[in-house]
Amino acid sequence: YYSDSVKGRFTISRDITKNTVYLQINNVEPEDTAVYYCAAAHRRTTV
């Protein structure tokens, strides 16, 4: 899932071997300025 404001610019991915989730942010805009947090939810929680 991507919010409308980041669709086409952000890409989420996961590397299980590194136990890491990434957020690739391209073509950043001033409105992207923020503190970014990650969260882990129950496995059957929908996006």
ModelCIF file with pLDDT and N, C-alpha, C, O atoms, coordinates in Angstrom:
data_MODEL
#
_entry.id   MODEL 
#
_entity.id                         1 
_entity.type                       polymer 
_entity.pdbx_number_of_molecules   1 
#
_entity_poly.entity_id                      1 
_entity_poly.type                           'polypeptide(L)' 
_entity_poly.nstd_linkage                   no 
_entity_poly.nstd_monomer                   no 
_entity_poly.pdbx_seq_one_letter_code       YYSDSVKGRFTISRDITKNTVYLQINNVEPEDTAVYYCAAAHRRTTV 
_entity_poly.pdbx_seq_one_letter_code_can   YYSDSVKGRFTISRDITKNTVYLQINNVEPEDTAVYYCAAAHRRTTV 
_entity_poly.pdbx_strand_id                 A 
#
loop_
_entity_poly_seq.entity_id 
_entity_poly_seq.num 
_entity_poly_seq.mon_id 
_entity_poly_seq.hetero 
1 1  TYR n 
1 2  TYR n 
1 3  SER n 
1 4  ASP n 
1 5  SER n 
1 6  VAL n 
1 7  LYS n 
1 8  GLY n 
1 9  ARG n 
1 10 PHE n 
1 11 THR n 
1 12 ILE n 
1 13 SER n 
1 14 ARG n 
1 15 ASP n 
1 16 ILE n 
1 17 THR n 
1 18 LYS n 
1 19 ASN n 
1 20 THR n 
1 21 VAL n 
1 22 TYR n 
1 23 LEU n 
1 24 GLN n 
1 25 ILE n 
1 26 ASN n 
1 27 ASN n 
1 28 VAL n 
1 29 GLU n 
1 30 PRO n 
1 31 GLU n 
1 32 ASP n 
1 33 THR n 
1 34 ALA n 
1 35 VAL n 
1 36 TYR n 
1 37 TYR n 
1 38 CYS n 
1 39 ALA n 
1 40 ALA n 
1 41 ALA n 
1 42 HIS n 
1 43 ARG n 
1 44 ARG n 
1 45 THR n 
1 46 THR n 
1 47 VAL n 
#
_struct_asym.id          A 
_struct_asym.entity_id   1 
#
loop_
_ma_qa_metric.id 
_ma_qa_metric.mode 
_ma_qa_metric.name 
_ma_qa_metric.software_group_id 
_ma_qa_metric.type 
1 global pLDDT . pLDDT 
2 local  pLDDT . pLDDT 
#
_ma_qa_metric_global.metric_id      1 
_ma_qa_metric_global.metric_value   96.83 
_ma_qa_metric_global.model_id       1 
_ma_qa_metric_global.ordinal_id     1 
#
loop_
_ma_qa_metric_local.label_asym_id 
_ma_qa_metric_local.label_comp_id 
_ma_qa_metric_local.label_seq_id 
_ma_qa_metric_local.metric_id 
_ma_qa_metric_local.metric_value 
_ma_qa_metric_local.model_id 
_ma_qa_metric_local.ordinal_id 
A TYR 1  2 97.00 1 1  
A TYR 2  2 98.00 1 2  
A SER 3  2 98.00 1 3  
A ASP 4  2 97.00 1 4  
A SER 5  2 96.00 1 5  
A VAL 6  2 97.00 1 6  
A LYS 7  2 97.00 1 7  
A GLY 8  2 97.00 1 8  
A ARG 9  2 98.00 1 9  
A PHE 10 2 98.00 1 10 
A THR 11 2 98.00 1 11 
A ILE 12 2 98.00 1 12 
A SER 13 2 96.00 1 13 
A ARG 14 2 95.00 1 14 
A ASP 15 2 95.00 1 15 
A ILE 16 2 92.00 1 16 
A THR 17 2 95.00 1 17 
A LYS 18 2 97.00 1 18 
A ASN 19 2 97.00 1 19 
A THR 20 2 97.00 1 20 
A VAL 21 2 97.00 1 21 
A TYR 22 2 98.00 1 22 
A LEU 23 2 98.00 1 23 
A GLN 24 2 98.00 1 24 
A ILE 25 2 98.00 1 25 
A ASN 26 2 98.00 1 26 
A ASN 27 2 98.00 1 27 
A VAL 28 2 98.00 1 28 
A GLU 29 2 97.00 1 29 
A PRO 30 2 97.00 1 30 
A GLU 31 2 96.00 1 31 
A ASP 32 2 98.00 1 32 
A THR 33 2 98.00 1 33 
A ALA 34 2 98.00 1 34 
A VAL 35 2 98.00 1 35 
A TYR 36 2 98.00 1 36 
A TYR 37 2 98.00 1 37 
A CYS 38 2 98.00 1 38 
A ALA 39 2 98.00 1 39 
A ALA 40 2 98.00 1 40 
A ALA 41 2 97.00 1 41 
A HIS 42 2 95.00 1 42 
A ARG 43 2 93.00 1 43 
A ARG 44 2 92.00 1 44 
A THR 45 2 95.00 1 45 
A THR 46 2 95.00 1 46 
A VAL 47 2 96.00 1 47 
#
loop_
_atom_site.group_PDB 
_atom_site.id 
_atom_site.type_symbol 
_atom_site.label_atom_id 
_atom_site.label_alt_id 
_atom_site.label_comp_id 
_atom_site.label_asym_id 
_atom_site.label_entity_id 
_atom_site.label_seq_id 
_atom_site.pdbx_PDB_ins_code 
_atom_site.Cartn_x 
_atom_site.Cartn_y 
_atom_site.Cartn_z 
_atom_site.occupancy 
_atom_site.B_iso_or_equiv 
_atom_site.pdbx_formal_charge 
_atom_site.auth_seq_id 
_atom_site.auth_comp_id 
_atom_site.auth_asym_id 
_atom_site.auth_atom_id 
_atom_site.pdbx_PDB_model_num 
ATOM 1   N N  . TYR A 1 1  ? 0.850  -1.182  0.000  1.00 97.00 ? 1  TYR A N  1 
ATOM 2   C CA . TYR A 1 1  ? 0.000  0.000   0.000  1.00 97.00 ? 1  TYR A CA 1 
ATOM 3   C C  . TYR A 1 1  ? 0.885  1.231   0.000  1.00 97.00 ? 1  TYR A C  1 
ATOM 4   O O  . TYR A 1 1  ? 1.928  1.261   0.653  1.00 97.00 ? 1  TYR A O  1 
ATOM 5   N N  . TYR A 1 2  ? 0.459  2.250   -0.741 1.00 98.00 ? 2  TYR A N  1 
ATOM 6   C CA . TYR A 1 2  ? 1.125  3.539   -0.733 1.00 98.00 ? 2  TYR A CA 1 
ATOM 7   C C  . TYR A 1 2  ? 0.071  4.633   -0.635 1.00 98.00 ? 2  TYR A C  1 
ATOM 8   O O  . TYR A 1 2  ? -0.955 4.584   -1.313 1.00 98.00 ? 2  TYR A O  1 
ATOM 9   N N  . SER A 1 3  ? 0.329  5.607   0.205  1.00 98.00 ? 3  SER A N  1 
ATOM 10  C CA . SER A 1 3  ? -0.572 6.742   0.278  1.00 98.00 ? 3  SER A CA 1 
ATOM 11  C C  . SER A 1 3  ? -0.498 7.540   -1.011 1.00 98.00 ? 3  SER A C  1 
ATOM 12  O O  . SER A 1 3  ? 0.485  7.461   -1.749 1.00 98.00 ? 3  SER A O  1 
ATOM 13  N N  . ASP A 1 4  ? -1.535 8.302   -1.273 1.00 97.00 ? 4  ASP A N  1 
ATOM 14  C CA . ASP A 1 4  ? -1.594 9.061   -2.521 1.00 97.00 ? 4  ASP A CA 1 
ATOM 15  C C  . ASP A 1 4  ? -0.419 10.025  -2.659 1.00 97.00 ? 4  ASP A C  1 
ATOM 16  O O  . ASP A 1 4  ? 0.060  10.269  -3.766 1.00 97.00 ? 4  ASP A O  1 
ATOM 17  N N  . SER A 1 5  ? 0.038  10.564  -1.553 1.00 96.00 ? 5  SER A N  1 
ATOM 18  C CA . SER A 1 5  ? 1.086  11.566  -1.607 1.00 96.00 ? 5  SER A CA 1 
ATOM 19  C C  . SER A 1 5  ? 2.449  10.992  -1.980 1.00 96.00 ? 5  SER A C  1 
ATOM 20  O O  . SER A 1 5  ? 3.330  11.739  -2.405 1.00 96.00 ? 5  SER A O  1 
ATOM 21  N N  . VAL A 1 6  ? 2.643  9.679   -1.830 1.00 97.00 ? 6  VAL A N  1 
ATOM 22  C CA . VAL A 1 6  ? 3.943  9.083   -2.105 1.00 97.00 ? 6  VAL A CA 1 
ATOM 23  C C  . VAL A 1 6  ? 3.898  8.075   -3.244 1.00 97.00 ? 6  VAL A C  1 
ATOM 24  O O  . VAL A 1 6  ? 4.943  7.585   -3.671 1.00 97.00 ? 6  VAL A O  1 
ATOM 25  N N  . LYS A 1 7  ? 2.731  7.762   -3.736 1.00 97.00 ? 7  LYS A N  1 
ATOM 26  C CA . LYS A 1 7  ? 2.592  6.774   -4.804 1.00 97.00 ? 7  LYS A CA 1 
ATOM 27  C C  . LYS A 1 7  ? 3.442  7.166   -6.007 1.00 97.00 ? 7  LYS A C  1 
ATOM 28  O O  . LYS A 1 7  ? 3.390  8.303   -6.475 1.00 97.00 ? 7  LYS A O  1 
ATOM 29  N N  . GLY A 1 8  ? 4.216  6.217   -6.493 1.00 97.00 ? 8  GLY A N  1 
ATOM 30  C CA . GLY A 1 8  ? 5.082  6.455   -7.629 1.00 97.00 ? 8  GLY A CA 1 
ATOM 31  C C  . GLY A 1 8  ? 6.454  6.968   -7.273 1.00 97.00 ? 8  GLY A C  1 
ATOM 32  O O  . GLY A 1 8  ? 7.347  6.967   -8.120 1.00 97.00 ? 8  GLY A O  1 
ATOM 33  N N  . ARG A 1 9  ? 6.648  7.406   -6.040 1.00 98.00 ? 9  ARG A N  1 
ATOM 34  C CA . ARG A 1 9  ? 7.942  7.912   -5.601 1.00 98.00 ? 9  ARG A CA 1 
ATOM 35  C C  . ARG A 1 9  ? 8.583  7.039   -4.528 1.00 98.00 ? 9  ARG A C  1 
ATOM 36  O O  . ARG A 1 9  ? 9.809  6.969   -4.445 1.00 98.00 ? 9  ARG A O  1 
ATOM 37  N N  . PHE A 1 10 ? 7.777  6.377   -3.711 1.00 98.00 ? 10 PHE A N  1 
ATOM 38  C CA . PHE A 1 10 ? 8.271  5.538   -2.622 1.00 98.00 ? 10 PHE A CA 1 
ATOM 39  C C  . PHE A 1 10 ? 8.095  4.072   -2.985 1.00 98.00 ? 10 PHE A C  1 
ATOM 40  O O  . PHE A 1 10 ? 7.131  3.705   -3.657 1.00 98.00 ? 10 PHE A O  1 
ATOM 41  N N  . THR A 1 11 ? 9.026  3.235   -2.539 1.00 98.00 ? 11 THR A N  1 
ATOM 42  C CA . THR A 1 11 ? 8.933  1.801   -2.735 1.00 98.00 ? 11 THR A CA 1 
ATOM 43  C C  . THR A 1 11 ? 9.309  1.091   -1.450 1.00 98.00 ? 11 THR A C  1 
ATOM 44  O O  . THR A 1 11 ? 10.380 1.330   -0.893 1.00 98.00 ? 11 THR A O  1 
ATOM 45  N N  . ILE A 1 12 ? 8.429  0.218   -0.978 1.00 98.00 ? 12 ILE A N  1 
ATOM 46  C CA . ILE A 1 12 ? 8.711  -0.569  0.210  1.00 98.00 ? 12 ILE A CA 1 
ATOM 47  C C  . ILE A 1 12 ? 9.206  -1.947  -0.215 1.00 98.00 ? 12 ILE A C  1 
ATOM 48  O O  . ILE A 1 12 ? 8.700  -2.521  -1.180 1.00 98.00 ? 12 ILE A O  1 
ATOM 49  N N  . SER A 1 13 ? 10.185 -2.472  0.496  1.00 96.00 ? 13 SER A N  1 
ATOM 50  C CA . SER A 1 13 ? 10.720 -3.788  0.197  1.00 96.00 ? 13 SER A CA 1 
ATOM 51  C C  . SER A 1 13 ? 11.205 -4.440  1.482  1.00 96.00 ? 13 SER A C  1 
ATOM 52  O O  . SER A 1 13 ? 11.309 -3.789  2.522  1.00 96.00 ? 13 SER A O  1 
ATOM 53  N N  . ARG A 1 14 ? 11.498 -5.721  1.401  1.00 95.00 ? 14 ARG A N  1 
ATOM 54  C CA . ARG A 1 14 ? 11.858 -6.492  2.595  1.00 95.00 ? 14 ARG A CA 1 
ATOM 55  C C  . ARG A 1 14 ? 12.963 -7.471  2.255  1.00 95.00 ? 14 ARG A C  1 
ATOM 56  O O  . ARG A 1 14 ? 12.906 -8.152  1.230  1.00 95.00 ? 14 ARG A O  1 
ATOM 57  N N  . ASP A 1 15 ? 13.958 -7.541  3.104  1.00 95.00 ? 15 ASP A N  1 
ATOM 58  C CA . ASP A 1 15 ? 15.039 -8.503  2.979  1.00 95.00 ? 15 ASP A CA 1 
ATOM 59  C C  . ASP A 1 15 ? 15.001 -9.378  4.219  1.00 95.00 ? 15 ASP A C  1 
ATOM 60  O O  . ASP A 1 15 ? 15.470 -8.976  5.283  1.00 95.00 ? 15 ASP A O  1 
ATOM 61  N N  . ILE A 1 16 ? 14.443 -10.569 4.083  1.00 92.00 ? 16 ILE A N  1 
ATOM 62  C CA . ILE A 1 16 ? 14.253 -11.443 5.236  1.00 92.00 ? 16 ILE A CA 1 
ATOM 63  C C  . ILE A 1 16 ? 15.587 -11.892 5.815  1.00 92.00 ? 16 ILE A C  1 
ATOM 64  O O  . ILE A 1 16 ? 15.711 -12.057 7.028  1.00 92.00 ? 16 ILE A O  1 
ATOM 65  N N  . THR A 1 17 ? 16.582 -12.090 4.960  1.00 95.00 ? 17 THR A N  1 
ATOM 66  C CA . THR A 1 17 ? 17.883 -12.532 5.448  1.00 95.00 ? 17 THR A CA 1 
ATOM 67  C C  . THR A 1 17 ? 18.519 -11.508 6.367  1.00 95.00 ? 17 THR A C  1 
ATOM 68  O O  . THR A 1 17 ? 19.305 -11.868 7.242  1.00 95.00 ? 17 THR A O  1 
ATOM 69  N N  . LYS A 1 18 ? 18.194 -10.243 6.185  1.00 97.00 ? 18 LYS A N  1 
ATOM 70  C CA . LYS A 1 18 ? 18.705 -9.171  7.030  1.00 97.00 ? 18 LYS A CA 1 
ATOM 71  C C  . LYS A 1 18 ? 17.692 -8.711  8.064  1.00 97.00 ? 18 LYS A C  1 
ATOM 72  O O  . LYS A 1 18 ? 17.982 -7.819  8.861  1.00 97.00 ? 18 LYS A O  1 
ATOM 73  N N  . ASN A 1 19 ? 16.504 -9.311  8.061  1.00 97.00 ? 19 ASN A N  1 
ATOM 74  C CA . ASN A 1 19 ? 15.443 -8.944  8.990  1.00 97.00 ? 19 ASN A CA 1 
ATOM 75  C C  . ASN A 1 19 ? 15.167 -7.444  8.924  1.00 97.00 ? 19 ASN A C  1 
ATOM 76  O O  . ASN A 1 19 ? 15.007 -6.779  9.948  1.00 97.00 ? 19 ASN A O  1 
ATOM 77  N N  . THR A 1 20 ? 15.116 -6.933  7.708  1.00 97.00 ? 20 THR A N  1 
ATOM 78  C CA . THR A 1 20 ? 15.041 -5.498  7.481  1.00 97.00 ? 20 THR A CA 1 
ATOM 79  C C  . THR A 1 20 ? 14.000 -5.169  6.424  1.00 97.00 ? 20 THR A C  1 
ATOM 80  O O  . THR A 1 20 ? 13.874 -5.863  5.415  1.00 97.00 ? 20 THR A O  1 
ATOM 81  N N  . VAL A 1 21 ? 13.267 -4.108  6.673  1.00 97.00 ? 21 VAL A N  1 
ATOM 82  C CA . VAL A 1 21 ? 12.341 -3.535  5.706  1.00 97.00 ? 21 VAL A CA 1 
ATOM 83  C C  . VAL A 1 21 ? 12.895 -2.181  5.270  1.00 97.00 ? 21 VAL A C  1 
ATOM 84  O O  . VAL A 1 21 ? 13.370 -1.403  6.098  1.00 97.00 ? 21 VAL A O  1 
ATOM 85  N N  . TYR A 1 22 ? 12.832 -1.908  3.986  1.00 98.00 ? 22 TYR A N  1 
ATOM 86  C CA . TYR A 1 22 ? 13.373 -0.678  3.423  1.00 98.00 ? 22 TYR A CA 1 
ATOM 87  C C  . TYR A 1 22 ? 12.262 0.194   2.876  1.00 98.00 ? 22 TYR A C  1 
ATOM 88  O O  . TYR A 1 22 ? 11.190 -0.287  2.509  1.00 98.00 ? 22 TYR A O  1 
ATOM 89  N N  . LEU A 1 23 ? 12.540 1.472   2.830  1.00 98.00 ? 23 LEU A N  1 
ATOM 90  C CA . LEU A 1 23 ? 11.686 2.423   2.136  1.00 98.00 ? 23 LEU A CA 1 
ATOM 91  C C  . LEU A 1 23 ? 12.571 3.254   1.225  1.00 98.00 ? 23 LEU A C  1 
ATOM 92  O O  . LEU A 1 23 ? 13.316 4.119   1.687  1.00 98.00 ? 23 LEU A O  1 
ATOM 93  N N  . GLN A 1 24 ? 12.485 2.988   -0.065 1.00 98.00 ? 24 GLN A N  1 
ATOM 94  C CA . GLN A 1 24 ? 13.208 3.769   -1.052 1.00 98.00 ? 24 GLN A CA 1 
ATOM 95  C C  . GLN A 1 24 ? 12.387 5.003   -1.387 1.00 98.00 ? 24 GLN A C  1 
ATOM 96  O O  . GLN A 1 24 ? 11.230 4.902   -1.797 1.00 98.00 ? 24 GLN A O  1 
ATOM 97  N N  . ILE A 1 25 ? 12.989 6.156   -1.211 1.00 98.00 ? 25 ILE A N  1 
ATOM 98  C CA . ILE A 1 25 ? 12.305 7.424   -1.427 1.00 98.00 ? 25 ILE A CA 1 
ATOM 99  C C  . ILE A 1 25 ? 13.001 8.123   -2.585 1.00 98.00 ? 25 ILE A C  1 
ATOM 100 O O  . ILE A 1 25 ? 14.174 8.484   -2.485 1.00 98.00 ? 25 ILE A O  1 
ATOM 101 N N  . ASN A 1 26 ? 12.288 8.312   -3.669 1.00 98.00 ? 26 ASN A N  1 
ATOM 102 C CA . ASN A 1 26 ? 12.826 8.965   -4.856 1.00 98.00 ? 26 ASN A CA 1 
ATOM 103 C C  . ASN A 1 26 ? 12.110 10.276  -5.113 1.00 98.00 ? 26 ASN A C  1 
ATOM 104 O O  . ASN A 1 26 ? 10.969 10.476  -4.698 1.00 98.00 ? 26 ASN A O  1 
ATOM 105 N N  . ASN A 1 27 ? 12.808 11.169  -5.811 1.00 98.00 ? 27 ASN A N  1 
ATOM 106 C CA . ASN A 1 27 ? 12.230 12.457  -6.191 1.00 98.00 ? 27 ASN A CA 1 
ATOM 107 C C  . ASN A 1 27 ? 11.584 13.141  -4.993 1.00 98.00 ? 27 ASN A C  1 
ATOM 108 O O  . ASN A 1 27 ? 10.410 13.511  -5.029 1.00 98.00 ? 27 ASN A O  1 
ATOM 109 N N  . VAL A 1 28 ? 12.365 13.301  -3.943 1.00 98.00 ? 28 VAL A N  1 
ATOM 110 C CA . VAL A 1 28 ? 11.820 13.854  -2.704 1.00 98.00 ? 28 VAL A CA 1 
ATOM 111 C C  . VAL A 1 28 ? 11.328 15.276  -2.909 1.00 98.00 ? 28 VAL A C  1 
ATOM 112 O O  . VAL A 1 28 ? 11.838 16.018  -3.748 1.00 98.00 ? 28 VAL A O  1 
ATOM 113 N N  . GLU A 1 29 ? 10.331 15.633  -2.123 1.00 97.00 ? 29 GLU A N  1 
ATOM 114 C CA . GLU A 1 29 ? 9.729  16.946  -2.136 1.00 97.00 ? 29 GLU A CA 1 
ATOM 115 C C  . GLU A 1 29 ? 9.824  17.549  -0.741 1.00 97.00 ? 29 GLU A C  1 
ATOM 116 O O  . GLU A 1 29 ? 9.947  16.814  0.238  1.00 97.00 ? 29 GLU A O  1 
ATOM 117 N N  . PRO A 1 30 ? 9.769  18.879  -0.635 1.00 97.00 ? 30 PRO A N  1 
ATOM 118 C CA . PRO A 1 30 ? 9.808  19.490  0.695  1.00 97.00 ? 30 PRO A CA 1 
ATOM 119 C C  . PRO A 1 30 ? 8.743  18.951  1.633  1.00 97.00 ? 30 PRO A C  1 
ATOM 120 O O  . PRO A 1 30 ? 8.967  18.879  2.841  1.00 97.00 ? 30 PRO A O  1 
ATOM 121 N N  . GLU A 1 31 ? 7.598  18.575  1.106  1.00 96.00 ? 31 GLU A N  1 
ATOM 122 C CA . GLU A 1 31 ? 6.518  18.039  1.922  1.00 96.00 ? 31 GLU A CA 1 
ATOM 123 C C  . GLU A 1 31 ? 6.843  16.674  2.515  1.00 96.00 ? 31 GLU A C  1 
ATOM 124 O O  . GLU A 1 31 ? 6.126  16.199  3.396  1.00 96.00 ? 31 GLU A O  1 
ATOM 125 N N  . ASP A 1 32 ? 7.907  16.040  2.051  1.00 98.00 ? 32 ASP A N  1 
ATOM 126 C CA . ASP A 1 32 ? 8.336  14.764  2.611  1.00 98.00 ? 32 ASP A CA 1 
ATOM 127 C C  . ASP A 1 32 ? 9.112  14.931  3.911  1.00 98.00 ? 32 ASP A C  1 
ATOM 128 O O  . ASP A 1 32 ? 9.402  13.943  4.585  1.00 98.00 ? 32 ASP A O  1 
ATOM 129 N N  . THR A 1 33 ? 9.446  16.149  4.268  1.00 98.00 ? 33 THR A N  1 
ATOM 130 C CA . THR A 1 33 ? 10.163 16.394  5.512  1.00 98.00 ? 33 THR A CA 1 
ATOM 131 C C  . THR A 1 33 ? 9.333  15.910  6.699  1.00 98.00 ? 33 THR A C  1 
ATOM 132 O O  . THR A 1 33 ? 8.200  16.352  6.892  1.00 98.00 ? 33 THR A O  1 
ATOM 133 N N  . ALA A 1 34 ? 9.897  15.008  7.484  1.00 98.00 ? 34 ALA A N  1 
ATOM 134 C CA . ALA A 1 34 ? 9.175  14.415  8.604  1.00 98.00 ? 34 ALA A CA 1 
ATOM 135 C C  . ALA A 1 34 ? 10.101 13.450  9.324  1.00 98.00 ? 34 ALA A C  1 
ATOM 136 O O  . ALA A 1 34 ? 11.177 13.113  8.831  1.00 98.00 ? 34 ALA A O  1 
ATOM 137 N N  . VAL A 1 35 ? 9.669  13.015  10.490 1.00 98.00 ? 35 VAL A N  1 
ATOM 138 C CA . VAL A 1 35 ? 10.287 11.878  11.145 1.00 98.00 ? 35 VAL A CA 1 
ATOM 139 C C  . VAL A 1 35 ? 9.581  10.628  10.643 1.00 98.00 ? 35 VAL A C  1 
ATOM 140 O O  . VAL A 1 35 ? 8.354  10.538  10.680 1.00 98.00 ? 35 VAL A O  1 
ATOM 141 N N  . TYR A 1 36 ? 10.355 9.677   10.181 1.00 98.00 ? 36 TYR A N  1 
ATOM 142 C CA . TYR A 1 36 ? 9.807  8.451   9.613  1.00 98.00 ? 36 TYR A CA 1 
ATOM 143 C C  . TYR A 1 36 ? 9.943  7.311   10.614 1.00 98.00 ? 36 TYR A C  1 
ATOM 144 O O  . TYR A 1 36 ? 11.015 7.086   11.177 1.00 98.00 ? 36 TYR A O  1 
ATOM 145 N N  . TYR A 1 37 ? 8.847  6.598   10.827 1.00 98.00 ? 37 TYR A N  1 
ATOM 146 C CA . TYR A 1 37 ? 8.776  5.500   11.778 1.00 98.00 ? 37 TYR A CA 1 
ATOM 147 C C  . TYR A 1 37 ? 8.382  4.215   11.050 1.00 98.00 ? 37 TYR A C  1 
ATOM 148 O O  . TYR A 1 37 ? 7.637  4.248   10.071 1.00 98.00 ? 37 TYR A O  1 
ATOM 149 N N  . CYS A 1 38 ? 8.887  3.096   11.536 1.00 98.00 ? 38 CYS A N  1 
ATOM 150 C CA . CYS A 1 38 ? 8.387  1.820   11.059 1.00 98.00 ? 38 CYS A CA 1 
ATOM 151 C C  . CYS A 1 38 ? 7.594  1.140   12.164 1.00 98.00 ? 38 CYS A C  1 
ATOM 152 O O  . CYS A 1 38 ? 7.789  1.418   13.347 1.00 98.00 ? 38 CYS A O  1 
ATOM 153 N N  . ALA A 1 39 ? 6.705  0.251   11.766 1.00 98.00 ? 39 ALA A N  1 
ATOM 154 C CA . ALA A 1 39 ? 5.844  -0.456  12.693 1.00 98.00 ? 39 ALA A CA 1 
ATOM 155 C C  . ALA A 1 39 ? 5.673  -1.891  12.243 1.00 98.00 ? 39 ALA A C  1 
ATOM 156 O O  . ALA A 1 39 ? 5.648  -2.183  11.048 1.00 98.00 ? 39 ALA A O  1 
ATOM 157 N N  . ALA A 1 40 ? 5.554  -2.786  13.214 1.00 98.00 ? 40 ALA A N  1 
ATOM 158 C CA . ALA A 1 40 ? 5.280  -4.194  12.967 1.00 98.00 ? 40 ALA A CA 1 
ATOM 159 C C  . ALA A 1 40 ? 3.920  -4.537  13.543 1.00 98.00 ? 40 ALA A C  1 
ATOM 160 O O  . ALA A 1 40 ? 3.676  -4.327  14.731 1.00 98.00 ? 40 ALA A O  1 
ATOM 161 N N  . ALA A 1 41 ? 3.041  -5.060  12.718 1.00 97.00 ? 41 ALA A N  1 
ATOM 162 C CA . ALA A 1 41 ? 1.677  -5.380  13.109 1.00 97.00 ? 41 ALA A CA 1 
ATOM 163 C C  . ALA A 1 41 ? 1.407  -6.873  12.967 1.00 97.00 ? 41 ALA A C  1 
ATOM 164 O O  . ALA A 1 41 ? 2.163  -7.604  12.328 1.00 97.00 ? 41 ALA A O  1 
ATOM 165 N N  . HIS A 1 42 ? 0.308  -7.303  13.581 1.00 95.00 ? 42 HIS A N  1 
ATOM 166 C CA . HIS A 1 42 ? -0.102 -8.691  13.483 1.00 95.00 ? 42 HIS A CA 1 
ATOM 167 C C  . HIS A 1 42 ? -0.098 -9.145  12.032 1.00 95.00 ? 42 HIS A C  1 
ATOM 168 O O  . HIS A 1 42 ? -0.476 -8.394  11.134 1.00 95.00 ? 42 HIS A O  1 
ATOM 169 N N  . ARG A 1 43 ? 0.330  -10.372 11.813 1.00 93.00 ? 43 ARG A N  1 
ATOM 170 C CA . ARG A 1 43 ? 0.600  -10.859 10.467 1.00 93.00 ? 43 ARG A CA 1 
ATOM 171 C C  . ARG A 1 43 ? -0.615 -10.830 9.547  1.00 93.00 ? 43 ARG A C  1 
ATOM 172 O O  . ARG A 1 43 ? -0.460 -10.761 8.327  1.00 93.00 ? 43 ARG A O  1 
ATOM 173 N N  . ARG A 1 44 ? -1.805 -10.881 10.102 1.00 92.00 ? 44 ARG A N  1 
ATOM 174 C CA . ARG A 1 44 ? -3.007 -10.851 9.267  1.00 92.00 ? 44 ARG A CA 1 
ATOM 175 C C  . ARG A 1 44 ? -3.643 -9.470  9.190  1.00 92.00 ? 44 ARG A C  1 
ATOM 176 O O  . ARG A 1 44 ? -4.746 -9.323  8.664  1.00 92.00 ? 44 ARG A O  1 
ATOM 177 N N  . THR A 1 45 ? -2.959 -8.464  9.709  1.00 95.00 ? 45 THR A N  1 
ATOM 178 C CA . THR A 1 45 ? -3.401 -7.092  9.509  1.00 95.00 ? 45 THR A CA 1 
ATOM 179 C C  . THR A 1 45 ? -3.223 -6.713  8.050  1.00 95.00 ? 45 THR A C  1 
ATOM 180 O O  . THR A 1 45 ? -2.155 -6.924  7.475  1.00 95.00 ? 45 THR A O  1 
ATOM 181 N N  . THR A 1 46 ? -4.261 -6.155  7.453  1.00 95.00 ? 46 THR A N  1 
ATOM 182 C CA . THR A 1 46 ? -4.160 -5.739  6.070  1.00 95.00 ? 46 THR A CA 1 
ATOM 183 C C  . THR A 1 46 ? -3.350 -4.457  5.964  1.00 95.00 ? 46 THR A C  1 
ATOM 184 O O  . THR A 1 46 ? -3.199 -3.719  6.937  1.00 95.00 ? 46 THR A O  1 
ATOM 185 N N  . VAL A 1 47 ? -2.834 -4.203  4.770  1.00 96.00 ? 47 VAL A N  1 
ATOM 186 C CA . VAL A 1 47 ? -2.061 -2.988  4.571  1.00 96.00 ? 47 VAL A CA 1 
ATOM 187 C C  . VAL A 1 47 ? -2.940 -1.757  4.731  1.00 96.00 ? 47 VAL A C  1 
ATOM 188 O O  . VAL A 1 47 ? -2.457 -0.633  4.597  1.00 96.00 ? 47 VAL A O  1 
#
